[in-house]
Amino acid sequence: MREDFELACIREFSHSGLYLGAAVSREERRERIRVSILREHKAHLRWQNSALTYADLYARVYHQSLGANDTQDEGWARQGSVTL
C-alpha cells in the first residue's frame, strides 16, 4: 500500500519541484509528500477514486497524521520557496 501511494504521489507532485524519487530516503520522501499535500491544500480532497481523503490515506500509510490539523502546515506549506 505504501509503495503504491508513494508512486502515485511521485507522479502527482512531480510538478512541485520537490524530488520524491528513488534517491530520497523513506523518511525524506514521507516528509516531502506531506509538504506537497499541505502546500496544494489537498488534505481534505478525495484521493483518486476512493472514499478516503489525502489526509486519511496518508495516516493509514504512515501511521501518523499530516499535522497542523491536517489543513495547513505553518512552516512548510505557506512557504513556496522551501527547499528540501
PDB file of N, CA and C in Angstrom:
ATOM      1  N   MET A   1       0.826  -1.198   0.000  1.00  0.00           N
ATOM      2  CA  MET A   1       0.000   0.000   0.000  1.00  0.00           C
ATOM      3  C   MET A   1       0.869   1.260   0.000  1.00  0.00           C
ATOM      4  N   ARG A   2       1.927   1.265   0.841  1.00  0.00           N
ATOM      5  CA  ARG A   2       2.788   2.440   0.911  1.00  0.00           C
ATOM      6  C   ARG A   2       3.459   2.711  -0.435  1.00  0.00           C
ATOM      7  N   GLU A   3       3.959   1.648  -1.062  1.00  0.00           N
ATOM      8  CA  GLU A   3       4.651   1.808  -2.335  1.00  0.00           C
ATOM      9  C   GLU A   3       3.725   2.370  -3.408  1.00  0.00           C
ATOM     10  N   ASP A   4       2.480   1.876  -3.446  1.00  0.00           N
ATOM     11  CA  ASP A   4       1.509   2.369  -4.430  1.00  0.00           C
ATOM     12  C   ASP A   4       1.182   3.847  -4.183  1.00  0.00           C
ATOM     13  N   PHE A   5       0.985   4.201  -2.924  1.00  0.00           N
ATOM     14  CA  PHE A   5       0.695   5.589  -2.560  1.00  0.00           C
ATOM     15  C   PHE A   5       1.864   6.493  -2.938  1.00  0.00           C
ATOM     16  N   GLU A   6       3.080   6.069  -2.601  1.00  0.00           N
ATOM     17  CA  GLU A   6       4.244   6.886  -2.910  1.00  0.00           C
ATOM     18  C   GLU A   6       4.445   7.043  -4.409  1.00  0.00           C
ATOM     19  N   LEU A   7       4.261   5.987  -5.160  1.00  0.00           N
ATOM     20  CA  LEU A   7       4.408   6.064  -6.609  1.00  0.00           C
ATOM     21  C   LEU A   7       3.386   7.038  -7.201  1.00  0.00           C
ATOM     22  N   ALA A   8       2.152   6.942  -6.744  1.00  0.00           N
ATOM     23  CA  ALA A   8       1.119   7.862  -7.222  1.00  0.00           C
ATOM     24  C   ALA A   8       1.454   9.304  -6.847  1.00  0.00           C
ATOM     25  N   CYS A   9       1.999   9.510  -5.657  1.00  0.00           N
ATOM     26  CA  CYS A   9       2.383  10.864  -5.231  1.00  0.00           C
ATOM     27  C   CYS A   9       3.557  11.383  -6.043  1.00  0.00           C
ATOM     28  N   ILE A  10       4.507  10.509  -6.360  1.00  0.00           N
ATOM     29  CA  ILE A  10       5.639  10.912  -7.199  1.00  0.00           C
ATOM     30  C   ILE A  10       5.118  11.442  -8.524  1.00  0.00           C
ATOM     31  N   ARG A  11       4.172  10.742  -9.114  1.00  0.00           N
ATOM     32  CA  ARG A  11       3.583  11.187 -10.385  1.00  0.00           C
ATOM     33  C   ARG A  11       2.812  12.487 -10.210  1.00  0.00           C
ATOM     34  N   GLU A  12       1.962  12.524  -9.183  1.00  0.00           N
ATOM     35  CA  GLU A  12       1.075  13.671  -8.995  1.00  0.00           C
ATOM     36  C   GLU A  12       1.814  14.956  -8.652  1.00  0.00           C
ATOM     37  N   PHE A  13       2.829  14.854  -7.816  1.00  0.00           N
ATOM     38  CA  PHE A  13       3.501  16.049  -7.336  1.00  0.00           C
ATOM     39  C   PHE A  13       4.808  16.340  -8.063  1.00  0.00           C
ATOM     40  N   SER A  14       5.046  15.701  -9.196  1.00  0.00           N
ATOM     41  CA  SER A  14       6.297  15.918  -9.926  1.00  0.00           C
ATOM     42  C   SER A  14       6.458  17.364 -10.375  1.00  0.00           C
ATOM     43  N   HIS A  15       5.371  18.071 -10.550  1.00  0.00           N
ATOM     44  CA  HIS A  15       5.412  19.480 -10.965  1.00  0.00           C
ATOM     45  C   HIS A  15       5.826  20.416  -9.837  1.00  0.00           C
ATOM     46  N   SER A  16       5.836  19.936  -8.603  1.00  0.00           N
ATOM     47  CA  SER A  16       6.046  20.792  -7.439  1.00  0.00           C
ATOM     48  C   SER A  16       7.486  21.256  -7.267  1.00  0.00           C
ATOM     49  N   GLY A  17       8.414  20.589  -7.926  1.00  0.00           N
ATOM     50  CA  GLY A  17       9.812  20.931  -7.759  1.00  0.00           C
ATOM     51  C   GLY A  17      10.478  20.175  -6.625  1.00  0.00           C
ATOM     52  N   LEU A  18       9.725  19.390  -5.874  1.00  0.00           N
ATOM     53  CA  LEU A  18      10.287  18.571  -4.802  1.00  0.00           C
ATOM     54  C   LEU A  18      10.519  17.170  -5.345  1.00  0.00           C
ATOM     55  N   TYR A  19      11.755  16.766  -5.429  1.00  0.00           N
ATOM     56  CA  TYR A  19      12.076  15.444  -5.934  1.00  0.00           C
ATOM     57  C   TYR A  19      11.647  14.390  -4.918  1.00  0.00           C
ATOM     58  N   LEU A  20      10.873  13.404  -5.373  1.00  0.00           N
ATOM     59  CA  LEU A  20      10.356  12.357  -4.491  1.00  0.00           C
ATOM     60  C   LEU A  20      10.859  10.977  -4.870  1.00  0.00           C
ATOM     61  N   GLY A  21      11.741  10.886  -5.828  1.00  0.00           N
ATOM     62  CA  GLY A  21      12.142   9.608  -6.390  1.00  0.00           C
ATOM     63  C   GLY A  21      13.042   8.743  -5.541  1.00  0.00           C
ATOM     64  N   ALA A  22      13.683   7.786  -6.203  1.00  0.00           N
ATOM     65  CA  ALA A  22      14.434   6.720  -5.553  1.00  0.00           C
ATOM     66  C   ALA A  22      15.645   7.208  -4.753  1.00  0.00           C
ATOM     67  N   ALA A  23      16.228   8.310  -5.114  1.00  0.00           N
ATOM     68  CA  ALA A  23      17.426   8.791  -4.416  1.00  0.00           C
ATOM     69  C   ALA A  23      17.110   9.434  -3.069  1.00  0.00           C
ATOM     70  N   VAL A  24      15.838   9.539  -2.737  1.00  0.00           N
ATOM     71  CA  VAL A  24      15.405  10.164  -1.489  1.00  0.00           C
ATOM     72  C   VAL A  24      15.108   9.062  -0.466  1.00  0.00           C
ATOM     73  N   SER A  25      15.545   9.265   0.765  1.00  0.00           N
ATOM     74  CA  SER A  25      15.278   8.268   1.810  1.00  0.00           C
ATOM     75  C   SER A  25      13.774   8.150   2.063  1.00  0.00           C
ATOM     76  N   ARG A  26      13.359   7.063   2.694  1.00  0.00           N
ATOM     77  CA  ARG A  26      11.937   6.861   3.005  1.00  0.00           C
ATOM     78  C   ARG A  26      11.387   7.992   3.859  1.00  0.00           C
ATOM     79  N   GLU A  27      12.138   8.388   4.882  1.00  0.00           N
ATOM     80  CA  GLU A  27      11.675   9.458   5.775  1.00  0.00           C
ATOM     81  C   GLU A  27      11.568  10.792   5.037  1.00  0.00           C
ATOM     82  N   GLU A  28      12.546  11.079   4.201  1.00  0.00           N
ATOM     83  CA  GLU A  28      12.526  12.330   3.447  1.00  0.00           C
ATOM     84  C   GLU A  28      11.372  12.324   2.448  1.00  0.00           C
ATOM     85  N   ARG A  29      11.118  11.193   1.806  1.00  0.00           N
ATOM     86  CA  ARG A  29      10.010  11.089   0.852  1.00  0.00           C
ATOM     87  C   ARG A  29       8.674  11.293   1.572  1.00  0.00           C
ATOM     88  N   ARG A  30       8.531  10.664   2.743  1.00  0.00           N
ATOM     89  CA  ARG A  30       7.301  10.841   3.519  1.00  0.00           C
ATOM     90  C   ARG A  30       7.088  12.309   3.838  1.00  0.00           C
ATOM     91  N   GLU A  31       8.119  12.986   4.266  1.00  0.00           N
ATOM     92  CA  GLU A  31       8.013  14.404   4.609  1.00  0.00           C
ATOM     93  C   GLU A  31       7.701  15.256   3.380  1.00  0.00           C
ATOM     94  N   ARG A  32       8.318  14.953   2.269  1.00  0.00           N
ATOM     95  CA  ARG A  32       8.061  15.721   1.044  1.00  0.00           C
ATOM     96  C   ARG A  32       6.636  15.502   0.535  1.00  0.00           C
ATOM     97  N   ILE A  33       6.130  14.293   0.687  1.00  0.00           N
ATOM     98  CA  ILE A  33       4.737  14.027   0.315  1.00  0.00           C
ATOM     99  C   ILE A  33       3.808  14.817   1.225  1.00  0.00           C
ATOM    100  N   ARG A  34       4.092  14.812   2.518  1.00  0.00           N
ATOM    101  CA  ARG A  34       3.287  15.574   3.478  1.00  0.00           C
ATOM    102  C   ARG A  34       3.270  17.058   3.111  1.00  0.00           C
ATOM    103  N   VAL A  35       4.429  17.595   2.824  1.00  0.00           N
ATOM    104  CA  VAL A  35       4.538  19.010   2.467  1.00  0.00           C
ATOM    105  C   VAL A  35       3.764  19.298   1.186  1.00  0.00           C
ATOM    106  N   SER A  36       3.869  18.423   0.205  1.00  0.00           N
ATOM    107  CA  SER A  36       3.162  18.619  -1.063  1.00  0.00           C
ATOM    108  C   SER A  36       1.653  18.619  -0.879  1.00  0.00           C
ATOM    109  N   ILE A  37       1.149  17.686  -0.086  1.00  0.00           N
ATOM    110  CA  ILE A  37      -0.295  17.626   0.168  1.00  0.00           C
ATOM    111  C   ILE A  37      -0.762  18.907   0.852  1.00  0.00           C
ATOM    112  N   LEU A  38      -0.025  19.342   1.844  1.00  0.00           N
ATOM    113  CA  LEU A  38      -0.414  20.559   2.567  1.00  0.00           C
ATOM    114  C   LEU A  38      -0.267  21.800   1.698  1.00  0.00           C
ATOM    115  N   ARG A  39       0.816  21.901   0.965  1.00  0.00           N
ATOM    116  CA  ARG A  39       1.060  23.075   0.127  1.00  0.00           C
ATOM    117  C   ARG A  39      -0.028  23.249  -0.926  1.00  0.00           C
ATOM    118  N   GLU A  40      -0.506  22.127  -1.462  1.00  0.00           N
ATOM    119  CA  GLU A  40      -1.524  22.195  -2.509  1.00  0.00           C
ATOM    120  C   GLU A  40      -2.947  22.113  -1.948  1.00  0.00           C
ATOM    121  N   HIS A  41      -3.065  22.179  -0.634  1.00  0.00           N
ATOM    122  CA  HIS A  41      -4.365  22.205   0.040  1.00  0.00           C
ATOM    123  C   HIS A  41      -5.244  21.016  -0.365  1.00  0.00           C
ATOM    124  N   LYS A  42      -4.665  19.829  -0.359  1.00  0.00           N
ATOM    125  CA  LYS A  42      -5.388  18.633  -0.774  1.00  0.00           C
ATOM    126  C   LYS A  42      -5.764  17.720   0.385  1.00  0.00           C
ATOM    127  N   ALA A  43      -5.472  18.103   1.599  1.00  0.00           N
ATOM    128  CA  ALA A  43      -5.691  17.228   2.750  1.00  0.00           C
ATOM    129  C   ALA A  43      -7.113  16.692   2.815  1.00  0.00           C
ATOM    130  N   HIS A  44      -8.095  17.519   2.509  1.00  0.00           N
ATOM    131  CA  HIS A  44      -9.490  17.096   2.640  1.00  0.00           C
ATOM    132  C   HIS A  44     -10.147  16.726   1.310  1.00  0.00           C
ATOM    133  N   LEU A  45      -9.364  16.698   0.251  1.00  0.00           N
ATOM    134  CA  LEU A  45      -9.883  16.256  -1.045  1.00  0.00           C
ATOM    135  C   LEU A  45      -9.834  14.741  -1.118  1.00  0.00           C
ATOM    136  N   ARG A  46     -10.692  14.160  -1.929  1.00  0.00           N
ATOM    137  CA  ARG A  46     -10.731  12.706  -2.094  1.00  0.00           C
ATOM    138  C   ARG A  46      -9.513  12.232  -2.872  1.00  0.00           C
ATOM    139  N   TRP A  47      -8.938  11.140  -2.402  1.00  0.00           N
ATOM    140  CA  TRP A  47      -7.805  10.522  -3.081  1.00  0.00           C
ATOM    141  C   TRP A  47      -8.302   9.696  -4.251  1.00  0.00           C
ATOM    142  N   GLN A  48      -7.958  10.101  -5.441  1.00  0.00           N
ATOM    143  CA  GLN A  48      -8.292   9.407  -6.679  1.00  0.00           C
ATOM    144  C   GLN A  48      -9.739   8.930  -6.664  1.00  0.00           C
ATOM    145  N   ASN A  49      -9.989   7.656  -6.855  1.00  0.00           N
ATOM    146  CA  ASN A  49     -11.364   7.140  -6.926  1.00  0.00           C
ATOM    147  C   ASN A  49     -11.786   6.439  -5.648  1.00  0.00           C
ATOM    148  N   SER A  50     -11.294   6.911  -4.506  1.00  0.00           N
ATOM    149  CA  SER A  50     -11.622   6.241  -3.253  1.00  0.00           C
ATOM    150  C   SER A  50     -12.493   7.130  -2.374  1.00  0.00           C
ATOM    151  N   ALA A  51     -12.957   6.564  -1.287  1.00  0.00           N
ATOM    152  CA  ALA A  51     -13.738   7.323  -0.314  1.00  0.00           C
ATOM    153  C   ALA A  51     -12.827   8.020   0.692  1.00  0.00           C
ATOM    154  N   LEU A  52     -11.527   7.769   0.599  1.00  0.00           N
ATOM    155  CA  LEU A  52     -10.564   8.350   1.527  1.00  0.00           C
ATOM    156  C   LEU A  52     -10.057   9.701   1.041  1.00  0.00           C
ATOM    157  N   THR A  53      -9.722  10.562   1.977  1.00  0.00           N
ATOM    158  CA  THR A  53      -9.087  11.827   1.620  1.00  0.00           C
ATOM    159  C   THR A  53      -7.573  11.614   1.589  1.00  0.00           C
ATOM    160  N   TYR A  54      -6.865  12.595   1.088  1.00  0.00           N
ATOM    161  CA  TYR A  54      -5.406  12.538   1.113  1.00  0.00           C
ATOM    162  C   TYR A  54      -4.927  12.358   2.555  1.00  0.00           C
ATOM    163  N   ALA A  55      -5.505  13.105   3.484  1.00  0.00           N
ATOM    164  CA  ALA A  55      -5.119  13.022   4.897  1.00  0.00           C
ATOM    165  C   ALA A  55      -5.398  11.625   5.457  1.00  0.00           C
ATOM    166  N   ASP A  56      -6.548  11.045   5.117  1.00  0.00           N
ATOM    167  CA  ASP A  56      -6.890   9.707   5.586  1.00  0.00           C
ATOM    168  C   ASP A  56      -5.881   8.667   5.089  1.00  0.00           C
ATOM    169  N   LEU A  57      -5.579   8.727   3.811  1.00  0.00           N
ATOM    170  CA  LEU A  57      -4.674   7.747   3.227  1.00  0.00           C
ATOM    171  C   LEU A  57      -3.255   7.930   3.759  1.00  0.00           C
ATOM    172  N   TYR A  58      -2.824   9.168   3.900  1.00  0.00           N
ATOM    173  CA  TYR A  58      -1.513   9.437   4.470  1.00  0.00           C
ATOM    174  C   TYR A  58      -1.422   8.826   5.872  1.00  0.00           C
ATOM    175  N   ALA A  59      -2.452   9.017   6.674  1.00  0.00           N
ATOM    176  CA  ALA A  59      -2.470   8.474   8.035  1.00  0.00           C
ATOM    177  C   ALA A  59      -2.427   6.947   8.024  1.00  0.00           C
ATOM    178  N   ARG A  60      -3.122   6.322   7.103  1.00  0.00           N
ATOM    179  CA  ARG A  60      -3.115   4.854   7.014  1.00  0.00           C
ATOM    180  C   ARG A  60      -1.758   4.318   6.580  1.00  0.00           C
ATOM    181  N   VAL A  61      -1.174   4.991   5.603  1.00  0.00           N
ATOM    182  CA  VAL A  61       0.096   4.523   5.053  1.00  0.00           C
ATOM    183  C   VAL A  61       1.251   4.730   6.025  1.00  0.00           C
ATOM    184  N   TYR A  62       1.300   5.898   6.657  1.00  0.00           N
ATOM    185  CA  TYR A  62       2.446   6.248   7.501  1.00  0.00           C
ATOM    186  C   TYR A  62       2.163   6.165   9.001  1.00  0.00           C
ATOM    187  N   HIS A  63       0.953   5.847   9.375  1.00  0.00           N
ATOM    188  CA  HIS A  63       0.574   5.714  10.783  1.00  0.00           C
ATOM    189  C   HIS A  63       0.811   6.998  11.575  1.00  0.00           C
ATOM    190  N   GLN A  64       0.570   8.120  10.917  1.00  0.00           N
ATOM    191  CA  GLN A  64       0.627   9.425  11.588  1.00  0.00           C
ATOM    192  C   GLN A  64      -0.169  10.424  10.760  1.00  0.00           C
ATOM    193  N   SER A  65      -0.634  11.467  11.414  1.00  0.00           N
ATOM    194  CA  SER A  65      -1.422  12.462  10.691  1.00  0.00           C
ATOM    195  C   SER A  65      -0.509  13.413   9.933  1.00  0.00           C
ATOM    196  N   LEU A  66      -1.103  14.185   9.053  1.00  0.00           N
ATOM    197  CA  LEU A  66      -0.349  15.189   8.313  1.00  0.00           C
ATOM    198  C   LEU A  66       0.176  16.282   9.238  1.00  0.00           C
ATOM    199  N   GLY A  67      -0.501  16.485  10.356  1.00  0.00           N
ATOM    200  CA  GLY A  67      -0.100  17.533  11.291  1.00  0.00           C
ATOM    201  C   GLY A  67      -0.797  18.842  10.966  1.00  0.00           C
ATOM    202  N   ALA A  68      -0.595  19.827  11.827  1.00  0.00           N
ATOM    203  CA  ALA A  68      -1.189  21.156  11.646  1.00  0.00           C
ATOM    204  C   ALA A  68      -2.686  21.051  11.354  1.00  0.00           C
ATOM    205  N   ASN A  69      -3.367  20.213  12.111  1.00  0.00           N
ATOM    206  CA  ASN A  69      -4.805  19.991  11.939  1.00  0.00           C
ATOM    207  C   ASN A  69      -5.161  19.458  10.562  1.00  0.00           C
ATOM    208  N   ASP A  70      -4.193  18.871   9.879  1.00  0.00           N
ATOM    209  CA  ASP A  70      -4.389  18.279   8.550  1.00  0.00           C
ATOM    210  C   ASP A  70      -4.914  19.273   7.515  1.00  0.00           C
ATOM    211  N   THR A  71      -4.723  20.557   7.752  1.00  0.00           N
ATOM    212  CA  THR A  71      -5.179  21.529   6.765  1.00  0.00           C
ATOM    213  C   THR A  71      -4.071  22.400   6.232  1.00  0.00           C
ATOM    214  N   GLN A  72      -3.155  22.818   7.087  1.00  0.00           N
ATOM    215  CA  GLN A  72      -2.021  23.591   6.604  1.00  0.00           C
ATOM    216  C   GLN A  72      -0.870  23.460   7.581  1.00  0.00           C
ATOM    217  N   ASP A  73       0.295  23.603   7.079  1.00  0.00           N
ATOM    218  CA  ASP A  73       1.490  23.498   7.897  1.00  0.00           C
ATOM    219  C   ASP A  73       2.079  24.885   8.019  1.00  0.00           C
ATOM    220  N   GLU A  74       2.211  25.360   9.220  1.00  0.00           N
ATOM    221  CA  GLU A  74       2.667  26.721   9.447  1.00  0.00           C
ATOM    222  C   GLU A  74       4.030  26.988   8.837  1.00  0.00           C
ATOM    223  N   GLY A  75       4.947  26.070   8.946  1.00  0.00           N
ATOM    224  CA  GLY A  75       6.297  26.314   8.485  1.00  0.00           C
ATOM    225  C   GLY A  75       6.519  26.035   7.015  1.00  0.00           C
ATOM    226  N   TRP A  76       6.033  24.895   6.533  1.00  0.00           N
ATOM    227  CA  TRP A  76       6.364  24.451   5.188  1.00  0.00           C
ATOM    228  C   TRP A  76       5.343  24.827   4.134  1.00  0.00           C
ATOM    229  N   ALA A  77       4.085  24.575   4.373  1.00  0.00           N
ATOM    230  CA  ALA A  77       3.087  24.717   3.316  1.00  0.00           C
ATOM    231  C   ALA A  77       2.888  26.161   2.892  1.00  0.00           C
ATOM    232  N   ARG A  78       3.060  27.103   3.787  1.00  0.00           N
ATOM    233  CA  ARG A  78       2.861  28.507   3.431  1.00  0.00           C
ATOM    234  C   ARG A  78       4.005  29.080   2.622  1.00  0.00           C
ATOM    235  N   GLN A  79       5.176  28.473   2.728  1.00  0.00           N
ATOM    236  CA  GLN A  79       6.342  28.984   2.030  1.00  0.00           C
ATOM    237  C   GLN A  79       6.471  28.273   0.698  1.00  0.00           C
ATOM    238  N   GLY A  80       6.386  29.022  -0.365  1.00  0.00           N
ATOM    239  CA  GLY A  80       6.516  28.428  -1.678  1.00  0.00           C
ATOM    240  C   GLY A  80       7.954  28.165  -2.078  1.00  0.00           C
ATOM    241  N   SER A  81       8.905  28.725  -1.370  1.00  0.00           N
ATOM    242  CA  SER A  81      10.303  28.605  -1.759  1.00  0.00           C
ATOM    243  C   SER A  81      11.092  27.655  -0.870  1.00  0.00           C
ATOM    244  N   VAL A  82      10.410  26.760  -0.204  1.00  0.00           N
ATOM    245  CA  VAL A  82      11.091  25.823   0.680  1.00  0.00           C
ATOM    246  C   VAL A  82      11.871  24.811  -0.164  1.00  0.00           C
ATOM    247  N   THR A  83      13.108  24.590   0.188  1.00  0.00           N
ATOM    248  CA  THR A  83      13.922  23.603  -0.483  1.00  0.00           C
ATOM    249  C   THR A  83      14.216  22.469   0.462  1.00  0.00           C
ATOM    250  N   LEU A  84      13.900  21.272   0.053  1.00  0.00           N
ATOM    251  CA  LEU A  84      14.177  20.093   0.882  1.00  0.00           C
ATOM    252  C   LEU A  84      15.442  19.435   0.410  1.00  0.00           C
TER     253      LEU A  84
END
